[in-house]
Amino acid sequence: MKTNLNQIDSYFRYGLTALAFILYITDIVPSTDGIILIGIGLVFLITGLFKFCPVYFIFGLNTRNEEINPNN
């Protein structure tokens, strides 16, 4: 699987995940809405860890800066 997220994009996703957990734990987003927000946060966490976003793949997007290596 080829990665399509750069480091900044991954950090942004980690931040969104942390924000989702904080909003749920502090009861700012209660109940079912909070659980849905946690689910979305987990998706962001997983895509950030693997540095691969299926939505980016479908639309042909790539935020990863790839250097051209003539040795490959």
Protein backbone atom coordinates (compact mmCIF):
# COMPACT_ATOMS: atom_id res chain seq x y z
CA MET A 1 0.00 0.00 0.00
CA LYS A 2 1.50 3.31 -1.10
CA THR A 3 1.18 6.17 1.39
CA ASN A 4 -0.60 9.34 0.33
CA LEU A 5 -0.44 11.56 3.46
CA ASN A 6 2.43 13.80 4.44
CA GLN A 7 3.61 14.35 8.02
CA ILE A 8 1.67 17.60 8.54
CA ASP A 9 -1.55 15.95 7.36
CA SER A 10 -0.98 13.09 9.81
CA TYR A 11 -0.38 15.50 12.70
CA PHE A 12 -3.55 17.38 11.78
CA ARG A 13 -5.49 14.11 11.96
CA TYR A 14 -3.96 13.29 15.35
CA GLY A 15 -5.09 16.71 16.58
CA LEU A 16 -8.64 16.15 15.34
CA THR A 17 -8.69 12.79 17.10
CA ALA A 18 -7.51 14.36 20.36
CA LEU A 19 -10.13 17.10 20.00
CA ALA A 20 -12.87 14.51 19.47
CA PHE A 21 -11.86 12.63 22.61
CA ILE A 22 -11.63 15.83 24.67
CA LEU A 23 -15.07 17.00 23.52
CA TYR A 24 -16.57 13.64 24.42
CA ILE A 25 -14.81 13.25 27.78
CA THR A 26 -15.71 16.78 28.93
CA ASP A 27 -19.32 16.12 27.89
CA ILE A 28 -19.42 19.05 25.48
CA VAL A 29 -20.66 16.63 22.84
CA PRO A 30 -22.85 14.18 24.78
CA SER A 31 -24.38 10.79 24.14
CA THR A 32 -24.85 9.43 20.63
CA ASP A 33 -23.31 12.45 18.93
CA GLY A 34 -20.19 11.97 21.05
CA ILE A 35 -19.92 8.30 20.14
CA ILE A 36 -20.22 9.18 16.45
CA LEU A 37 -17.53 11.82 16.92
CA ILE A 38 -15.28 9.23 18.61
CA GLY A 39 -15.81 6.91 15.64
CA ILE A 40 -14.82 9.63 13.21
CA GLY A 41 -11.81 10.40 15.40
CA LEU A 42 -10.74 6.76 15.31
CA VAL A 43 -10.92 6.79 11.51
CA PHE A 44 -8.68 9.88 11.48
CA LEU A 45 -6.29 8.18 13.90
CA ILE A 46 -6.03 5.02 11.81
CA THR A 47 -5.54 6.92 8.54
CA GLY A 48 -2.91 9.10 10.22
CA LEU A 49 -1.00 6.13 11.61
CA PHE A 50 -0.95 4.25 8.30
CA LYS A 51 -0.44 7.49 6.33
CA PHE A 52 -3.02 6.29 3.84
CA CYS A 53 -6.43 7.84 3.21
CA PRO A 54 -8.87 5.82 1.06
CA VAL A 55 -10.82 8.98 0.15
CA TYR A 56 -7.61 10.58 -1.15
CA PHE A 57 -6.95 7.39 -3.12
CA ILE A 58 -10.41 7.42 -4.72
CA PHE A 59 -10.02 11.04 -5.86
CA GLY A 60 -6.36 10.66 -6.84
CA LEU A 61 -5.09 13.10 -4.21
CA ASN A 62 -1.64 12.88 -2.67
CA THR A 63 -0.23 15.27 -0.07
CA ARG A 64 3.02 13.36 0.31
CA ASN A 65 6.02 15.04 -1.26
CA GLU A 66 7.97 12.34 -3.00
CA GLU A 67 11.54 12.94 -4.04
CA ILE A 68 12.68 11.39 -7.25
CA ASN A 69 15.41 8.86 -6.53
CA PRO A 70 17.34 7.80 -9.65
CA ASN A 71 18.59 4.65 -7.89
CA ASN A 72 15.14 3.03 -7.80
